[in-house]
Protein backbone atom coordinates (compact mmCIF):
# COMPACT_ATOMS: atom_id res chain seq x y z
CA UNK A 1 149.15 131.55 82.11
CA UNK A 2 149.23 135.07 82.65
CA UNK A 3 146.68 137.42 84.78
CA UNK A 4 143.95 134.88 84.89
CA UNK A 5 144.21 134.10 81.36
CA UNK A 6 145.36 130.47 79.74
CA UNK A 7 146.95 130.04 76.46
CA UNK A 8 145.58 127.29 74.65
CA UNK A 9 147.75 124.98 71.89
CA UNK A 10 145.33 123.17 69.48
CA UNK A 11 146.75 120.91 66.49
CA UNK A 12 147.63 123.77 64.31
CA UNK A 13 149.65 125.35 66.46
CA UNK A 14 148.05 128.72 66.16
CA UNK A 15 147.69 130.20 70.23
CA UNK A 16 144.48 131.03 71.36
CA UNK A 17 144.01 133.27 74.37
CA UNK A 18 141.21 132.38 76.78
CA UNK A 19 140.19 134.31 80.53
CA UNK A 20 139.21 132.04 83.04
CA UNK A 21 135.09 132.80 82.53
CA UNK A 22 135.91 131.58 78.74
CA UNK A 23 137.75 128.60 79.82
CA UNK A 24 134.94 127.34 82.20
CA UNK A 25 132.56 128.07 79.73
CA UNK A 26 134.73 126.01 76.80
CA UNK A 27 135.62 123.32 79.69
CA UNK A 28 131.61 122.82 80.67
CA UNK A 29 130.50 122.66 76.47
CA UNK A 30 132.88 119.82 76.43
CA UNK A 31 131.74 118.05 79.26
CA UNK A 32 128.44 118.53 77.84
CA UNK A 33 129.32 117.04 74.22
CA UNK A 34 130.81 114.23 75.56
CA UNK A 35 127.70 113.64 77.77
CA UNK A 36 125.71 113.59 75.10
CA UNK A 37 127.79 111.43 73.12
CA UNK A 38 127.75 108.75 75.99
CA UNK A 39 124.20 108.70 76.39
CA UNK A 40 123.07 106.92 72.94
CA UNK A 41 125.84 104.51 74.24
CA UNK A 42 124.53 103.67 77.47
CA UNK A 43 121.33 103.54 76.54
CA UNK A 44 121.92 100.91 73.67
CA UNK A 45 123.70 99.26 76.84
CA UNK A 46 120.39 99.26 78.82
CA UNK A 47 118.46 97.65 75.79
CA UNK A 48 121.25 94.66 76.23
CA UNK A 49 120.31 94.29 79.87
CA UNK A 50 116.57 94.69 79.21
CA UNK A 51 116.59 92.17 76.43
CA UNK A 52 118.68 89.52 78.97
CA UNK A 53 115.58 90.62 81.52
CA UNK A 54 113.05 89.84 79.00
CA UNK A 55 114.75 86.19 77.64
CA UNK A 56 114.71 85.31 81.73
CA UNK A 57 111.46 86.09 81.72
CA UNK A 58 110.62 84.09 78.73
CA UNK A 59 106.77 83.25 78.30
CA UNK A 60 106.06 83.33 81.74
CA UNK A 61 103.20 85.57 82.62
CA UNK A 62 104.78 88.35 84.90
CA UNK A 63 107.16 91.10 85.46
CA UNK A 64 110.39 92.07 86.20
CA UNK A 65 111.69 95.96 87.53
CA UNK A 66 115.35 96.65 88.09
CA UNK A 67 116.22 99.95 89.61
CA UNK A 68 119.01 101.99 91.03
CA UNK A 69 117.84 103.06 95.09
CA UNK A 70 119.80 106.05 94.70
CA UNK A 71 118.41 107.51 91.79
CA UNK A 72 114.91 106.29 90.83
CA UNK A 73 115.98 105.35 87.72
CA UNK A 74 114.50 102.02 86.38
CA UNK A 75 117.13 99.70 84.30
CA UNK A 76 114.35 97.52 83.33
CA UNK A 77 110.48 97.06 83.22
CA UNK A 78 109.38 93.81 81.61
CA UNK A 79 105.86 93.83 81.29
CA UNK A 80 104.66 97.42 81.45
CA UNK A 81 100.90 96.44 82.08
CA UNK A 82 101.93 94.40 85.08
CA UNK A 83 104.43 95.76 86.39
CA UNK A 84 102.82 99.17 86.96
CA UNK A 85 99.04 99.34 85.30
CA UNK A 86 98.17 96.21 87.88
CA UNK A 87 97.62 96.42 91.59
CA UNK A 88 96.82 92.89 93.59
CA UNK A 89 97.60 91.50 96.79
CA UNK A 90 101.23 91.76 97.92
CA UNK A 91 100.94 88.36 100.05
CA UNK A 92 104.05 87.75 102.17
CA UNK A 93 106.10 90.95 100.44
CA UNK A 94 104.08 93.01 103.15
CA UNK A 95 105.03 91.23 106.63
CA UNK A 96 108.00 93.84 106.20
CA UNK A 97 105.41 96.66 106.79
CA UNK A 98 103.71 94.69 109.61
CA UNK A 99 107.17 94.34 111.09
CA UNK A 100 108.24 98.01 110.59
CA UNK A 101 104.71 98.95 112.53
CA UNK A 102 105.40 96.74 115.66
CA UNK A 103 108.68 98.04 116.03
CA UNK A 104 107.93 101.55 115.11
CA UNK A 105 104.73 101.60 117.71
CA UNK A 106 107.19 100.15 120.21
CA UNK A 107 105.07 96.92 120.59
CA UNK A 108 107.76 94.34 119.55
CA UNK A 109 110.42 92.77 121.48
CA UNK A 110 112.56 91.38 118.31
CA UNK A 111 113.87 88.49 120.91
CA UNK A 112 110.63 87.61 122.01
CA UNK A 113 109.80 84.31 120.84
CA UNK A 114 106.37 83.47 119.35
CA UNK A 115 105.08 79.70 119.18
CA UNK A 116 103.93 78.63 115.62
CA UNK A 117 102.54 74.83 115.93
CA UNK A 118 101.15 75.22 112.22
CA UNK A 119 97.89 76.64 112.53
CA UNK A 120 95.82 78.89 115.32
CA UNK A 121 92.61 79.86 116.34
CA UNK A 122 91.64 83.87 116.26
CA UNK A 123 88.03 85.12 117.01
CA UNK A 124 86.75 81.57 116.72
CA UNK A 125 88.14 81.37 112.80
CA UNK A 126 91.30 78.67 112.25
CA UNK A 127 94.38 80.13 110.56
CA UNK A 128 97.04 78.23 108.92
CA UNK A 129 100.46 78.63 108.18
CA UNK A 130 102.50 77.99 105.11
CA UNK A 131 104.19 74.91 106.96
CA UNK A 132 101.67 73.02 108.09
CA UNK A 133 103.84 71.09 110.57
CA UNK A 134 104.99 74.97 112.30
CA UNK A 135 108.35 76.52 112.73
CA UNK A 136 108.35 76.00 116.71
CA UNK A 137 109.68 79.15 118.71
CA UNK A 138 110.60 82.02 116.19
CA UNK A 139 111.99 85.77 116.71
CA UNK A 140 111.46 88.32 114.75
CA UNK A 141 114.53 87.94 112.12
CA UNK A 142 113.93 83.94 112.25
CA UNK A 143 110.06 85.03 111.25
CA UNK A 144 110.98 87.33 108.62
CA UNK A 145 113.19 84.81 106.90
CA UNK A 146 110.89 81.97 107.08
CA UNK A 147 107.72 83.90 106.74
CA UNK A 148 106.22 82.33 109.43
CA UNK A 149 102.51 83.09 109.09
CA UNK A 150 101.50 82.33 112.41
CA UNK A 151 103.92 84.70 114.36
CA UNK A 152 103.03 87.80 112.36
CA UNK A 153 99.60 86.72 113.34
CA UNK A 154 100.30 86.52 116.92
CA UNK A 155 102.24 89.78 116.65
CA UNK A 156 99.55 91.84 114.87
CA UNK A 157 96.97 91.46 117.69
CA UNK A 158 99.36 93.68 119.48
CA UNK A 159 98.46 96.46 116.75
CA UNK A 160 95.45 99.04 117.58
CA UNK A 161 92.86 99.67 114.83
CA UNK A 162 94.01 101.63 111.86
CA UNK A 163 98.13 101.37 112.92
CA UNK A 164 98.84 99.29 110.17
CA UNK A 165 96.93 101.35 107.57
CA UNK A 166 98.46 103.93 109.01
CA UNK A 167 101.98 102.70 108.51
CA UNK A 168 101.50 101.64 104.95
CA UNK A 169 100.45 104.93 103.96
CA UNK A 170 103.59 106.79 105.59
CA UNK A 171 105.75 104.02 103.32
CA UNK A 172 103.95 105.20 100.22
CA UNK A 173 101.66 102.10 99.41
CA UNK A 174 98.50 104.56 99.17
CA UNK A 175 98.17 106.50 95.85
CA UNK A 176 100.46 106.54 93.12
CA UNK A 177 104.63 106.67 92.73
CA UNK A 178 104.45 109.27 90.39
CA UNK A 179 106.29 107.49 87.32
CA UNK A 180 106.60 109.11 83.94
CA UNK A 181 104.46 106.26 82.47
CA UNK A 182 100.87 106.82 81.55
CA UNK A 183 97.80 104.81 83.37
CA UNK A 184 99.63 103.89 86.53
CA UNK A 185 97.32 101.75 89.35
CA UNK A 186 96.97 103.49 92.60
CA UNK A 187 97.70 101.32 95.60
CA UNK A 188 94.76 100.57 97.95
CA UNK A 189 94.51 100.14 101.83
CA UNK A 190 92.24 99.41 104.20
CA UNK A 191 90.49 101.95 105.86
CA UNK A 192 88.69 99.65 108.58
CA UNK A 193 88.86 96.15 108.93
CA UNK A 194 87.30 93.44 110.80
CA UNK A 195 89.36 91.36 113.27
CA UNK A 196 89.16 88.50 111.13
CA UNK A 197 90.33 91.05 108.07
CA UNK A 198 92.87 92.34 110.21
CA UNK A 199 94.64 89.40 110.98
CA UNK A 200 94.92 88.84 106.78
CA UNK A 201 95.91 92.39 106.33
CA UNK A 202 98.83 91.74 108.59
CA UNK A 203 100.15 89.06 106.02
CA UNK A 204 99.30 90.74 102.98
CA UNK A 205 96.38 88.93 101.95
CA UNK A 206 93.48 91.57 102.68
CA UNK A 207 90.81 91.80 100.42
CA UNK A 208 90.94 95.81 100.53
CA UNK A 209 94.65 95.77 99.99
CA UNK A 210 95.97 95.92 96.97
CA UNK A 211 99.49 97.36 95.08
CA UNK A 212 101.28 97.68 92.19
CA UNK A 213 104.78 95.67 91.54
CA UNK A 214 106.03 99.13 91.27
CA UNK A 215 105.12 100.43 94.25
CA UNK A 216 107.09 97.51 95.67
CA UNK A 217 109.78 98.36 93.82
CA UNK A 218 109.81 101.79 95.47
CA UNK A 219 109.33 100.32 99.10
CA UNK A 220 112.76 97.94 98.56
CA UNK A 221 114.71 100.40 97.32
CA UNK A 222 113.67 102.82 100.34
CA UNK A 223 114.41 100.66 102.49
CA UNK A 224 118.09 100.10 100.72
CA UNK A 225 118.27 103.61 100.80
CA UNK A 226 117.56 103.55 104.47
CA UNK A 227 114.98 105.97 104.19
CA UNK A 228 115.63 108.22 101.35
CA UNK A 229 112.20 107.62 98.30
CA UNK A 230 113.07 108.58 94.71
CA UNK A 231 110.69 108.93 92.21
CA UNK A 232 111.05 106.18 89.29
CA UNK A 233 111.68 106.94 86.06
CA UNK A 234 111.96 104.84 83.00
CA UNK A 235 113.93 106.19 80.18
CA UNK A 236 112.35 104.95 76.83
CA UNK A 237 114.90 106.62 74.33
CA UNK A 238 118.50 108.36 74.81
CA UNK A 239 116.78 111.69 74.64
CA UNK A 240 115.35 110.75 77.70
CA UNK A 241 118.16 109.38 79.21
CA UNK A 242 120.16 112.62 79.29
CA UNK A 243 117.29 114.75 80.75
CA UNK A 244 117.12 112.09 83.62
CA UNK A 245 117.71 113.88 86.97
CA UNK A 246 117.29 111.99 90.23
CA UNK A 247 114.28 113.17 91.93
CA UNK A 248 113.69 113.02 95.70
CA UNK A 249 110.62 112.68 97.05
CA UNK A 250 110.93 112.39 100.76
CA UNK A 251 112.91 110.71 103.50
CA UNK A 252 111.49 108.47 106.17
CA UNK A 253 112.85 108.90 109.16
CA UNK A 254 113.85 105.14 110.83
CA UNK A 255 115.64 103.75 113.84
CA UNK A 256 116.88 100.83 114.31
CA UNK A 257 114.03 99.07 113.40
CA UNK A 258 114.67 99.17 109.78
CA UNK A 259 117.80 97.64 110.15
CA UNK A 260 115.95 95.10 111.76
CA UNK A 261 114.12 94.32 108.81
CA UNK A 262 116.94 94.58 106.68
CA UNK A 263 118.56 91.85 108.57
CA UNK A 264 115.43 89.98 108.40
CA UNK A 265 115.62 90.15 104.86
CA UNK A 266 119.09 89.33 104.32
CA UNK A 267 118.68 86.07 106.46
CA UNK A 268 115.66 85.17 104.13
CA UNK A 269 118.25 84.82 101.40
CA UNK A 270 120.62 83.10 103.42
CA UNK A 271 118.74 80.17 104.82
CA UNK A 272 114.70 81.14 104.58
CA UNK A 273 112.51 81.26 101.56
CA UNK A 274 114.15 83.50 99.65
CA UNK A 275 117.25 81.03 99.42
CA UNK A 276 116.23 81.02 95.71
CA UNK A 277 117.79 83.79 95.30
CA UNK A 278 121.30 83.29 96.66
CA UNK A 279 124.35 84.01 94.69
CA UNK A 280 127.94 82.89 95.74
CA UNK A 281 129.00 86.18 94.20
CA UNK A 282 126.80 88.59 95.99
CA UNK A 283 124.70 88.59 99.05
CA UNK A 284 121.28 89.60 99.04
CA UNK A 285 118.15 90.78 100.92
CA UNK A 286 114.83 90.18 99.60
CA UNK A 287 111.46 88.99 100.70
CA UNK A 288 109.08 86.33 99.08
CA UNK A 289 105.34 86.45 98.78
CA UNK A 290 102.69 84.31 97.41
CA UNK A 291 98.89 85.62 97.22
CA UNK A 292 95.78 84.78 95.22
CA UNK A 293 93.72 87.69 93.80
CA UNK A 294 90.36 85.83 95.35
CA UNK A 295 89.55 83.09 97.18
CA UNK A 296 89.63 79.95 95.17
CA UNK A 297 92.32 81.49 92.34
CA UNK A 298 95.50 80.45 91.59
CA UNK A 299 98.34 82.05 93.26
CA UNK A 300 100.81 84.63 92.27
CA UNK A 301 104.61 84.54 93.44
CA UNK A 302 106.53 87.58 94.49
CA UNK A 303 109.81 88.17 95.36
CA UNK A 304 111.45 91.95 96.20
CA UNK A 305 115.24 92.68 97.23
CA UNK A 306 118.32 94.63 96.56
CA UNK A 307 122.20 94.07 96.74
CA UNK A 308 124.87 93.95 98.01
CA UNK A 309 122.66 93.45 100.91
CA UNK A 310 125.21 95.34 103.65
CA UNK A 311 125.58 98.25 100.92
CA UNK A 312 122.76 98.32 97.77
CA UNK A 313 123.45 99.75 94.60
CA UNK A 314 120.27 97.89 92.75
CA UNK A 315 117.01 96.87 93.55
CA UNK A 316 114.46 94.44 92.14
CA UNK A 317 111.06 93.14 92.23
CA UNK A 318 110.08 89.68 90.42
CA UNK A 319 106.07 89.33 90.31
CA UNK A 320 104.40 86.10 88.48
CA UNK A 321 101.16 84.82 87.52
CA UNK A 322 100.11 81.37 88.52
CA UNK A 323 103.38 80.92 90.47
CA UNK A 324 105.04 80.51 94.07
CA UNK A 325 107.19 83.26 95.72
CA UNK A 326 109.84 80.92 97.02
CA UNK A 327 109.99 78.51 94.16
CA UNK A 328 109.80 80.48 91.32
CA UNK A 329 109.87 84.27 91.85
CA UNK A 330 113.21 84.05 94.09
CA UNK A 331 115.46 82.11 91.55
CA UNK A 332 114.23 84.18 88.48
CA UNK A 333 115.13 86.96 91.05
CA UNK A 334 118.49 85.88 91.86
CA UNK A 335 119.31 85.26 87.82
CA UNK A 336 118.54 88.99 87.11
CA UNK A 337 120.28 89.92 89.85
CA UNK A 338 123.36 88.07 88.81
CA UNK A 339 122.81 89.62 84.90
CA UNK A 340 123.05 93.15 86.34
CA UNK A 341 126.19 92.26 88.38
CA UNK A 342 128.09 91.00 85.09
CA UNK A 343 127.08 93.87 83.04
CA UNK A 344 128.29 96.16 85.92
CA UNK A 345 131.48 94.32 86.61
CA UNK A 346 131.83 94.32 82.24
CA UNK A 347 131.76 98.08 82.89
CA UNK A 348 128.30 98.17 81.15
CA UNK A 349 126.29 100.91 83.79
């Protein structure tokens, strides 16, 4: 090296002298070339993972979505029609939104215990918990882990009119995510609800509430990211994967309330309704949900979560028609995450 110049000695032993700017261009070109060569290989590995997810879903009517929370890159999208183009009731997965709304409005002491006896009368109407015998006294973390309806029926009475819709809109559950796929369905939020409908809204069963699995994936990825929201991107080809650049859409500011909700989700998988997703090799945080599209219809099952619970690197949503969240969606999500970490440990991602 002399006066800002480098000598390169190729295999044919002929010396090539480059200035620093030329050397920088040479290195940049070489790195770009290497990246172009690696992307088809990476896409091929993604295709294998997607096939594994598809096989896990099998013949069931449903969708599986897997995303990197820190980039918005969709690693798997099995059944685009149900995952992106279908908006429906989220059931108890929506309780995380209700919890955040109560905490952010300063209306809930997370240590306060509320009694669940399996049913409650509000405004002259009877409402039931899924556990008809009741959960007994529940604080916030226990109520999230056990998905206690009565706790959220009681707590939501403290919310002023419009507060829950305001929180859900802030969390981007209205409108669309802006994914690079056609015909994305928009989420729907109630602008006004009667007292009776407000009770159902708090647990994700309002007739005016509908979200897509993709929206719930963006939501749970935002939880994993401590407020950072990335636009989802689905690479359908190696070329699309090569062109992908993470797009930070918004950073939502949270205080301790998000940590509380995340802990409730961790406990849900550790011992609560999400226990079907539990895996020995990695700690998972998640929330189950079960809801019917209309009164008398068969229920749909939900699970949304992320892992590892303390330092998330992957988010997942499983939605199954004619199923239950705890019994069906959670175990499937656990198997999907297990396959992800098997691929990850093998250096596939």
